[in-house]
């Protein structure tokens, strides 16, 4: 019994030594001038993650946060010029507690409004709006079928061919341009879920008669499906209005991504 007690005391002593050593190291690092500068920088640089918002079967994606890895940053600076230099900062991405990646069975109704952006989806490759968007360097996503893949390479392409779906997938994968986005309708939700896609349902549909309604309702995070019958002048007006609100127009994959 005394033998085991002796081993226990020795082990306890070792553990206490490790604890004291670690606490001493933390204390000494905290007093290091470089570490103090890193901590000051962290107060302004660090960003908290934003949780995704779930409402029944719908989801608004969250956003990753970022944190400076203070220990790695200190080691980088010590091994280089020995002074604080923001070029040697190491950062870690912080995943939201509630994330789109863990809820891919939910339907994305909007992008995160913190992104200050909206996205356009074109109904097909025959739209007259394409030329206008290209000439004005406006990003958009386009629904494609097998015969139209890569027909408009300036646009992000979304597989919308549910008869030749796998053929289109192979082309998009080969060219490394697969967004893995599925625009859901009445009959394809289960199909999209089985294929492990991001499920998207535009929250605004822009047609030939509702330009003023789009103007009055558009806000950051909106996903706008532009129908073929929309006039180019109406599209130009909405684009100018979006820009006047300080919003950017980005590809759909960028809008729904949880990267900041």
C-alpha atoms as a PDB file:
ATOM      1  CA  UNK A   1       0.000   0.000   0.000  1.00  0.00           C
ATOM      2  CA  UNK A   2       2.854   2.360   0.917  1.00  0.00           C
ATOM      3  CA  UNK A   3       4.452   1.567  -2.452  1.00  0.00           C
ATOM      4  CA  UNK A   4       1.347   2.678  -4.360  1.00  0.00           C
ATOM      5  CA  UNK A   5       1.033   5.762  -2.194  1.00  0.00           C
ATOM      6  CA  UNK A   6       4.617   6.659  -3.049  1.00  0.00           C
ATOM      7  CA  UNK A   7       3.915   6.299  -6.781  1.00  0.00           C
ATOM      8  CA  UNK A   8       0.818   8.407  -6.402  1.00  0.00           C
ATOM      9  CA  UNK A   9       2.704  11.203  -4.627  1.00  0.00           C
ATOM     10  CA  UNK A  10       5.447  11.178  -7.298  1.00  0.00           C
ATOM     11  CA  UNK A  11       2.849  11.302 -10.075  1.00  0.00           C
ATOM     12  CA  UNK A  12       1.002  14.111  -8.339  1.00  0.00           C
ATOM     13  CA  UNK A  13       4.265  16.023  -7.966  1.00  0.00           C
ATOM     14  CA  UNK A  14       5.025  15.615 -11.688  1.00  0.00           C
ATOM     15  CA  UNK A  15       1.539  16.791 -12.676  1.00  0.00           C
ATOM     16  CA  UNK A  16       1.826  19.808 -10.384  1.00  0.00           C
ATOM     17  CA  UNK A  17       5.231  20.608 -11.897  1.00  0.00           C
ATOM     18  CA  UNK A  18       3.755  20.498 -15.406  1.00  0.00           C
ATOM     19  CA  UNK A  19       0.887  22.727 -14.300  1.00  0.00           C
ATOM     20  CA  UNK A  20       3.173  25.292 -12.663  1.00  0.00           C
ATOM     21  CA  UNK A  21       5.525  25.250 -15.670  1.00  0.00           C
ATOM     22  CA  UNK A  22       2.652  25.815 -18.093  1.00  0.00           C
ATOM     23  CA  UNK A  23       1.219  28.633 -15.988  1.00  0.00           C
ATOM     24  CA  UNK A  24       4.661  30.234 -15.753  1.00  0.00           C
ATOM     25  CA  UNK A  25       5.104  29.998 -19.533  1.00  0.00           C
ATOM     26  CA  UNK A  26       1.693  31.592 -20.107  1.00  0.00           C
ATOM     27  CA  UNK A  27       2.541  34.390 -17.681  1.00  0.00           C
ATOM     28  CA  UNK A  28       5.918  35.059 -19.312  1.00  0.00           C
ATOM     29  CA  UNK A  29       4.373  35.048 -22.817  1.00  0.00           C
ATOM     30  CA  UNK A  30       1.726  37.525 -21.697  1.00  0.00           C
ATOM     31  CA  UNK A  31       4.477  39.949 -20.623  1.00  0.00           C
ATOM     32  CA  UNK A  32       6.334  39.642 -23.932  1.00  0.00           C
ATOM     33  CA  UNK A  33       6.098  42.977 -25.843  1.00  0.00           C
ATOM     34  CA  UNK A  34       5.389  41.142 -29.119  1.00  0.00           C
ATOM     35  CA  UNK A  35       2.563  39.142 -27.503  1.00  0.00           C
ATOM     36  CA  UNK A  36       1.100  42.323 -26.064  1.00  0.00           C
ATOM     37  CA  UNK A  37       1.083  43.837 -29.567  1.00  0.00           C
ATOM     38  CA  UNK A  38      -0.534  40.687 -30.951  1.00  0.00           C
ATOM     39  CA  UNK A  39      -3.276  40.854 -28.296  1.00  0.00           C
ATOM     40  CA  UNK A  40      -3.941  44.519 -29.091  1.00  0.00           C
ATOM     41  CA  UNK A  41      -4.205  43.677 -32.796  1.00  0.00           C
ATOM     42  CA  UNK A  42      -6.495  40.739 -32.005  1.00  0.00           C
ATOM     43  CA  UNK A  43      -9.000  42.996 -30.263  1.00  0.00           C
ATOM     44  CA  UNK A  44      -9.719  44.705 -33.589  1.00  0.00           C
ATOM     45  CA  UNK A  45      -9.041  41.824 -35.986  1.00  0.00           C
ATOM     46  CA  UNK A  46     -10.930  38.900 -34.429  1.00  0.00           C
ATOM     47  CA  UNK A  47     -14.450  38.319 -35.744  1.00  0.00           C
ATOM     48  CA  UNK A  48     -17.069  36.123 -34.096  1.00  0.00           C
ATOM     49  CA  UNK A  49     -18.769  33.430 -36.155  1.00  0.00           C
ATOM     50  CA  UNK A  50     -22.404  34.055 -37.120  1.00  0.00           C
ATOM     51  CA  UNK A  51     -24.829  31.170 -36.731  1.00  0.00           C
ATOM     52  CA  UNK A  52     -27.058  30.060 -39.575  1.00  0.00           C
ATOM     53  CA  UNK A  53     -30.728  30.887 -39.065  1.00  0.00           C
ATOM     54  CA  UNK A  54     -33.150  27.978 -39.444  1.00  0.00           C
ATOM     55  CA  UNK A  55     -36.883  28.411 -39.886  1.00  0.00           C
ATOM     56  CA  UNK A  56     -38.634  25.081 -40.365  1.00  0.00           C
ATOM     57  CA  UNK A  57     -37.287  23.706 -43.694  1.00  0.00           C
ATOM     58  CA  UNK A  58     -35.447  26.916 -44.655  1.00  0.00           C
ATOM     59  CA  UNK A  59     -32.011  28.216 -43.744  1.00  0.00           C
ATOM     60  CA  UNK A  60     -30.019  31.435 -44.068  1.00  0.00           C
ATOM     61  CA  UNK A  61     -26.302  30.460 -44.040  1.00  0.00           C
ATOM     62  CA  UNK A  62     -24.086  31.612 -41.213  1.00  0.00           C
ATOM     63  CA  UNK A  63     -20.596  33.040 -41.521  1.00  0.00           C
ATOM     64  CA  UNK A  64     -17.231  31.760 -40.329  1.00  0.00           C
ATOM     65  CA  UNK A  65     -15.409  33.851 -37.779  1.00  0.00           C
ATOM     66  CA  UNK A  66     -11.669  34.339 -37.534  1.00  0.00           C
ATOM     67  CA  UNK A  67      -9.239  34.334 -34.639  1.00  0.00           C
ATOM     68  CA  UNK A  68      -5.566  35.143 -34.472  1.00  0.00           C
ATOM     69  CA  UNK A  69      -3.572  32.154 -33.217  1.00  0.00           C
ATOM     70  CA  UNK A  70      -1.506  34.095 -30.726  1.00  0.00           C
ATOM     71  CA  UNK A  71       1.038  31.359 -29.915  1.00  0.00           C
ATOM     72  CA  UNK A  72       1.809  30.517 -33.565  1.00  0.00           C
ATOM     73  CA  UNK A  73       1.951  34.215 -34.433  1.00  0.00           C
ATOM     74  CA  UNK A  74       4.424  34.857 -31.607  1.00  0.00           C
ATOM     75  CA  UNK A  75       6.620  31.941 -32.727  1.00  0.00           C
ATOM     76  CA  UNK A  76       6.587  33.211 -36.326  1.00  0.00           C
ATOM     77  CA  UNK A  77       7.687  36.679 -35.286  1.00  0.00           C
ATOM     78  CA  UNK A  78      10.335  35.379 -32.892  1.00  0.00           C
ATOM     79  CA  UNK A  79      11.845  33.202 -35.629  1.00  0.00           C
ATOM     80  CA  UNK A  80      11.892  36.053 -38.153  1.00  0.00           C
ATOM     81  CA  UNK A  81      12.861  39.599 -37.238  1.00  0.00           C
ATOM     82  CA  UNK A  82      12.001  39.379 -33.522  1.00  0.00           C
ATOM     83  CA  UNK A  83       9.520  42.252 -33.651  1.00  0.00           C
ATOM     84  CA  UNK A  84       5.789  42.565 -34.201  1.00  0.00           C
ATOM     85  CA  UNK A  85       4.893  42.279 -37.880  1.00  0.00           C
ATOM     86  CA  UNK A  86       1.305  41.662 -39.007  1.00  0.00           C
ATOM     87  CA  UNK A  87       2.630  39.751 -42.048  1.00  0.00           C
ATOM     88  CA  UNK A  88       3.526  36.868 -39.740  1.00  0.00           C
ATOM     89  CA  UNK A  89       0.151  36.572 -38.040  1.00  0.00           C
ATOM     90  CA  UNK A  90      -1.461  33.116 -38.062  1.00  0.00           C
ATOM     91  CA  UNK A  91      -5.252  32.971 -38.140  1.00  0.00           C
ATOM     92  CA  UNK A  92      -7.823  30.238 -37.545  1.00  0.00           C
ATOM     93  CA  UNK A  93     -11.287  30.016 -39.088  1.00  0.00           C
ATOM     94  CA  UNK A  94     -14.077  29.556 -36.562  1.00  0.00           C
ATOM     95  CA  UNK A  95     -17.033  27.474 -37.733  1.00  0.00           C
ATOM     96  CA  UNK A  96     -20.490  28.634 -36.623  1.00  0.00           C
ATOM     97  CA  UNK A  97     -22.181  26.474 -33.991  1.00  0.00           C
ATOM     98  CA  UNK A  98     -25.152  26.271 -36.361  1.00  0.00           C
ATOM     99  CA  UNK A  99     -23.819  25.835 -39.885  1.00  0.00           C
ATOM    100  CA  UNK A 100     -25.189  25.261 -43.372  1.00  0.00           C
ATOM    101  CA  UNK A 101     -22.698  22.416 -43.740  1.00  0.00           C
ATOM    102  CA  UNK A 102     -24.509  20.462 -41.031  1.00  0.00           C
ATOM    103  CA  UNK A 103     -27.959  21.263 -42.422  1.00  0.00           C
ATOM    104  CA  UNK A 104     -27.743  20.627 -46.159  1.00  0.00           C
ATOM    105  CA  UNK A 105     -31.241  19.179 -46.145  1.00  0.00           C
ATOM    106  CA  UNK A 106     -32.562  22.697 -45.511  1.00  0.00           C
ATOM    107  CA  UNK A 107     -33.474  25.085 -48.329  1.00  0.00           C
ATOM    108  CA  UNK A 108     -31.384  28.233 -48.698  1.00  0.00           C
ATOM    109  CA  UNK A 109     -33.837  31.098 -49.050  1.00  0.00           C
ATOM    110  CA  UNK A 110     -31.324  33.957 -48.800  1.00  0.00           C
ATOM    111  CA  UNK A 111     -27.645  34.586 -48.342  1.00  0.00           C
ATOM    112  CA  UNK A 112     -26.342  36.058 -45.106  1.00  0.00           C
ATOM    113  CA  UNK A 113     -27.285  39.772 -45.046  1.00  0.00           C
ATOM    114  CA  UNK A 114     -23.946  40.640 -43.433  1.00  0.00           C
ATOM    115  CA  UNK A 115     -22.333  40.091 -46.834  1.00  0.00           C
ATOM    116  CA  UNK A 116     -23.971  43.245 -48.233  1.00  0.00           C
ATOM    117  CA  UNK A 117     -24.598  41.509 -51.534  1.00  0.00           C
ATOM    118  CA  UNK A 118     -27.270  39.962 -53.752  1.00  0.00           C
ATOM    119  CA  UNK A 119     -27.151  37.324 -56.482  1.00  0.00           C
ATOM    120  CA  UNK A 120     -28.808  36.965 -59.885  1.00  0.00           C
ATOM    121  CA  UNK A 121     -29.797  33.652 -61.454  1.00  0.00           C
ATOM    122  CA  UNK A 122     -30.602  33.627 -65.170  1.00  0.00           C
ATOM    123  CA  UNK A 123     -33.306  31.193 -66.245  1.00  0.00           C
ATOM    124  CA  UNK A 124     -31.425  29.915 -69.301  1.00  0.00           C
ATOM    125  CA  UNK A 125     -28.702  30.689 -71.806  1.00  0.00           C
ATOM    126  CA  UNK A 126     -31.040  32.310 -74.364  1.00  0.00           C
ATOM    127  CA  UNK A 127     -31.705  35.415 -72.295  1.00  0.00           C
ATOM    128  CA  UNK A 128     -30.993  38.771 -73.999  1.00  0.00           C
ATOM    129  CA  UNK A 129     -29.832  40.007 -70.615  1.00  0.00           C
ATOM    130  CA  UNK A 130     -26.623  37.985 -70.915  1.00  0.00           C
ATOM    131  CA  UNK A 131     -24.965  40.432 -73.316  1.00  0.00           C
ATOM    132  CA  UNK A 132     -25.829  43.377 -71.072  1.00  0.00           C
ATOM    133  CA  UNK A 133     -24.412  41.716 -67.955  1.00  0.00           C
ATOM    134  CA  UNK A 134     -21.215  40.676 -69.717  1.00  0.00           C
ATOM    135  CA  UNK A 135     -20.633  44.142 -71.189  1.00  0.00           C
ATOM    136  CA  UNK A 136     -21.135  45.714 -67.754  1.00  0.00           C
ATOM    137  CA  UNK A 137     -19.038  43.127 -65.902  1.00  0.00           C
ATOM    138  CA  UNK A 138     -21.936  42.013 -63.704  1.00  0.00           C
ATOM    139  CA  UNK A 139     -21.638  38.614 -62.029  1.00  0.00           C
ATOM    140  CA  UNK A 140     -24.482  36.117 -62.321  1.00  0.00           C
ATOM    141  CA  UNK A 141     -25.267  32.419 -62.211  1.00  0.00           C
ATOM    142  CA  UNK A 142     -26.998  30.636 -65.065  1.00  0.00           C
ATOM    143  CA  UNK A 143     -29.077  27.463 -65.208  1.00  0.00           C
ATOM    144  CA  UNK A 144     -27.579  25.119 -67.789  1.00  0.00           C
ATOM    145  CA  UNK A 145     -28.463  21.904 -69.561  1.00  0.00           C
ATOM    146  CA  UNK A 146     -26.210  19.492 -71.402  1.00  0.00           C
ATOM    147  CA  UNK A 147     -26.334  21.419 -74.670  1.00  0.00           C
ATOM    148  CA  UNK A 148     -25.517  24.744 -73.008  1.00  0.00           C
ATOM    149  CA  UNK A 149     -22.715  23.848 -70.570  1.00  0.00           C
ATOM    150  CA  UNK A 150     -19.793  26.253 -71.056  1.00  0.00           C
ATOM    151  CA  UNK A 151     -21.744  28.213 -73.652  1.00  0.00           C
ATOM    152  CA  UNK A 152     -21.402  31.297 -71.435  1.00  0.00           C
ATOM    153  CA  UNK A 153     -18.174  30.728 -69.469  1.00  0.00           C
ATOM    154  CA  UNK A 154     -18.293  34.189 -67.876  1.00  0.00           C
ATOM    155  CA  UNK A 155     -21.217  33.033 -65.732  1.00  0.00           C
ATOM    156  CA  UNK A 156     -21.283  30.578 -62.876  1.00  0.00           C
ATOM    157  CA  UNK A 157     -23.087  27.471 -64.098  1.00  0.00           C
ATOM    158  CA  UNK A 158     -25.735  25.535 -62.179  1.00  0.00           C
ATOM    159  CA  UNK A 159     -26.786  22.088 -63.333  1.00  0.00           C
ATOM    160  CA  UNK A 160     -30.484  22.261 -64.215  1.00  0.00           C
ATOM    161  CA  UNK A 161     -30.753  19.261 -66.537  1.00  0.00           C
ATOM    162  CA  UNK A 162     -32.676  16.606 -64.631  1.00  0.00           C
ATOM    163  CA  UNK A 163     -32.829  14.284 -67.634  1.00  0.00           C
ATOM    164  CA  UNK A 164     -29.078  14.353 -68.306  1.00  0.00           C
ATOM    165  CA  UNK A 165     -28.041  15.361 -64.788  1.00  0.00           C
ATOM    166  CA  UNK A 166     -25.087  13.015 -64.384  1.00  0.00           C
ATOM    167  CA  UNK A 167     -23.721  13.887 -67.836  1.00  0.00           C
ATOM    168  CA  UNK A 168     -23.734  17.569 -66.942  1.00  0.00           C
ATOM    169  CA  UNK A 169     -22.179  16.762 -63.553  1.00  0.00           C
ATOM    170  CA  UNK A 170     -19.297  14.989 -65.252  1.00  0.00           C
ATOM    171  CA  UNK A 171     -18.641  17.981 -67.502  1.00  0.00           C
ATOM    172  CA  UNK A 172     -18.774  20.459 -64.618  1.00  0.00           C
ATOM    173  CA  UNK A 173     -16.549  18.260 -62.463  1.00  0.00           C
ATOM    174  CA  UNK A 174     -14.047  17.773 -65.275  1.00  0.00           C
ATOM    175  CA  UNK A 175     -13.785  21.527 -65.773  1.00  0.00           C
ATOM    176  CA  UNK A 176     -13.723  22.097 -61.982  1.00  0.00           C
ATOM    177  CA  UNK A 177     -16.655  24.503 -62.112  1.00  0.00           C
ATOM    178  CA  UNK A 178     -19.292  22.502 -60.273  1.00  0.00           C
ATOM    179  CA  UNK A 179     -21.066  24.702 -57.724  1.00  0.00           C
ATOM    180  CA  UNK A 180     -22.961  21.729 -56.227  1.00  0.00           C
ATOM    181  CA  UNK A 181     -26.024  23.957 -56.142  1.00  0.00           C
ATOM    182  CA  UNK A 182     -29.466  22.610 -56.962  1.00  0.00           C
ATOM    183  CA  UNK A 183     -32.280  25.033 -57.734  1.00  0.00           C
ATOM    184  CA  UNK A 184     -35.229  23.183 -56.344  1.00  0.00           C
ATOM    185  CA  UNK A 185     -38.721  23.033 -57.801  1.00  0.00           C
ATOM    186  CA  UNK A 186     -41.839  20.990 -57.176  1.00  0.00           C
ATOM    187  CA  UNK A 187     -40.431  17.631 -58.207  1.00  0.00           C
ATOM    188  CA  UNK A 188     -36.685  17.624 -57.682  1.00  0.00           C
ATOM    189  CA  UNK A 189     -36.088  18.268 -53.958  1.00  0.00           C
ATOM    190  CA  UNK A 190     -35.577  14.602 -53.051  1.00  0.00           C
ATOM    191  CA  UNK A 191     -33.311  14.185 -56.080  1.00  0.00           C
ATOM    192  CA  UNK A 192     -31.182  17.155 -55.020  1.00  0.00           C
ATOM    193  CA  UNK A 193     -30.941  15.876 -51.440  1.00  0.00           C
ATOM    194  CA  UNK A 194     -29.849  12.426 -52.624  1.00  0.00           C
ATOM    195  CA  UNK A 195     -27.095  14.056 -54.653  1.00  0.00           C
ATOM    196  CA  UNK A 196     -25.948  16.034 -51.581  1.00  0.00           C
ATOM    197  CA  UNK A 197     -26.364  19.436 -53.199  1.00  0.00           C
ATOM    198  CA  UNK A 198     -26.948  22.846 -51.682  1.00  0.00           C
ATOM    199  CA  UNK A 199     -30.690  23.407 -52.007  1.00  0.00           C
ATOM    200  CA  UNK A 200     -31.585  26.893 -53.228  1.00  0.00           C
ATOM    201  CA  UNK A 201     -34.959  28.537 -53.719  1.00  0.00           C
ATOM    202  CA  UNK A 202     -34.808  32.166 -54.931  1.00  0.00           C
ATOM    203  CA  UNK A 203     -36.716  34.460 -52.601  1.00  0.00           C
ATOM    204  CA  UNK A 204     -37.400  36.959 -55.419  1.00  0.00           C
ATOM    205  CA  UNK A 205     -38.584  36.221 -58.970  1.00  0.00           C
ATOM    206  CA  UNK A 206     -38.046  39.147 -61.364  1.00  0.00           C
ATOM    207  CA  UNK A 207     -40.481  39.144 -64.306  1.00  0.00           C
ATOM    208  CA  UNK A 208     -41.756  41.596 -66.922  1.00  0.00           C
ATOM    209  CA  UNK A 209     -44.408  43.126 -64.648  1.00  0.00           C
ATOM    210  CA  UNK A 210     -42.892  43.485 -61.179  1.00  0.00           C
ATOM    211  CA  UNK A 211     -39.849  45.744 -61.517  1.00  0.00           C
ATOM    212  CA  UNK A 212     -41.179  48.230 -58.917  1.00  0.00           C
ATOM    213  CA  UNK A 213     -41.963  45.414 -56.482  1.00  0.00           C
ATOM    214  CA  UNK A 214     -38.390  44.123 -56.854  1.00  0.00           C
ATOM    215  CA  UNK A 215     -37.039  47.624 -56.239  1.00  0.00           C
ATOM    216  CA  UNK A 216     -39.160  48.098 -53.120  1.00  0.00           C
ATOM    217  CA  UNK A 217     -38.272  44.725 -51.618  1.00  0.00           C
ATOM    218  CA  UNK A 218     -34.698  43.960 -52.577  1.00  0.00           C
ATOM    219  CA  UNK A 219     -32.190  43.830 -49.731  1.00  0.00           C
ATOM    220  CA  UNK A 220     -28.858  42.291 -48.785  1.00  0.00           C
ATOM    221  CA  UNK A 221     -28.782  38.513 -49.116  1.00  0.00           C
ATOM    222  CA  UNK A 222     -31.538  38.281 -51.738  1.00  0.00           C
ATOM    223  CA  UNK A 223     -31.394  35.589 -54.417  1.00  0.00           C
ATOM    224  CA  UNK A 224     -33.116  36.886 -57.560  1.00  0.00           C
ATOM    225  CA  UNK A 225     -34.283  34.613 -60.364  1.00  0.00           C
ATOM    226  CA  UNK A 226     -34.484  36.716 -63.551  1.00  0.00           C
ATOM    227  CA  UNK A 227     -37.086  35.440 -65.989  1.00  0.00           C
ATOM    228  CA  UNK A 228     -36.472  35.532 -69.747  1.00  0.00           C
ATOM    229  CA  UNK A 229     -39.163  38.154 -70.387  1.00  0.00           C
ATOM    230  CA  UNK A 230     -37.588  40.883 -68.267  1.00  0.00           C
ATOM    231  CA  UNK A 231     -36.656  44.031 -70.209  1.00  0.00           C
ATOM    232  CA  UNK A 232     -32.988  44.959 -70.281  1.00  0.00           C
ATOM    233  CA  UNK A 233     -33.846  48.518 -69.223  1.00  0.00           C
ATOM    234  CA  UNK A 234     -35.578  47.149 -66.121  1.00  0.00           C
ATOM    235  CA  UNK A 235     -32.543  45.022 -65.272  1.00  0.00           C
ATOM    236  CA  UNK A 236     -30.268  48.053 -65.711  1.00  0.00           C
ATOM    237  CA  UNK A 237     -32.500  50.108 -63.436  1.00  0.00           C
ATOM    238  CA  UNK A 238     -32.476  47.450 -60.688  1.00  0.00           C
ATOM    239  CA  UNK A 239     -28.692  47.064 -60.942  1.00  0.00           C
ATOM    240  CA  UNK A 240     -28.227  50.821 -60.513  1.00  0.00           C
ATOM    241  CA  UNK A 241     -30.608  50.765 -57.559  1.00  0.00           C
ATOM    242  CA  UNK A 242     -28.767  47.863 -55.919  1.00  0.00           C
ATOM    243  CA  UNK A 243     -25.472  49.703 -56.258  1.00  0.00           C
ATOM    244  CA  UNK A 244     -27.014  52.889 -54.844  1.00  0.00           C
ATOM    245  CA  UNK A 245     -27.834  50.916 -51.679  1.00  0.00           C
ATOM    246  CA  UNK A 246     -24.172  50.007 -51.270  1.00  0.00           C
ATOM    247  CA  UNK A 247     -24.727  46.364 -52.204  1.00  0.00           C
ATOM    248  CA  UNK A 248     -22.580  44.301 -54.542  1.00  0.00           C
ATOM    249  CA  UNK A 249     -23.759  41.664 -57.034  1.00  0.00           C
ATOM    250  CA  UNK A 250     -21.945  38.354 -56.616  1.00  0.00           C
ATOM    251  CA  UNK A 251     -22.159  34.784 -57.834  1.00  0.00           C
ATOM    252  CA  UNK A 252     -24.640  32.596 -56.008  1.00  0.00           C
ATOM    253  CA  UNK A 253     -21.943  30.266 -54.651  1.00  0.00           C
ATOM    254  CA  UNK A 254     -20.214  33.277 -53.080  1.00  0.00           C
ATOM    255  CA  UNK A 255     -23.429  34.588 -51.547  1.00  0.00           C
ATOM    256  CA  UNK A 256     -24.391  31.299 -49.873  1.00  0.00           C
ATOM    257  CA  UNK A 257     -20.859  30.420 -48.794  1.00  0.00           C
ATOM    258  CA  UNK A 258     -20.215  30.761 -45.054  1.00  0.00           C
ATOM    259  CA  UNK A 259     -16.781  32.215 -45.728  1.00  0.00           C
ATOM    260  CA  UNK A 260     -16.697  35.905 -44.921  1.00  0.00           C
END
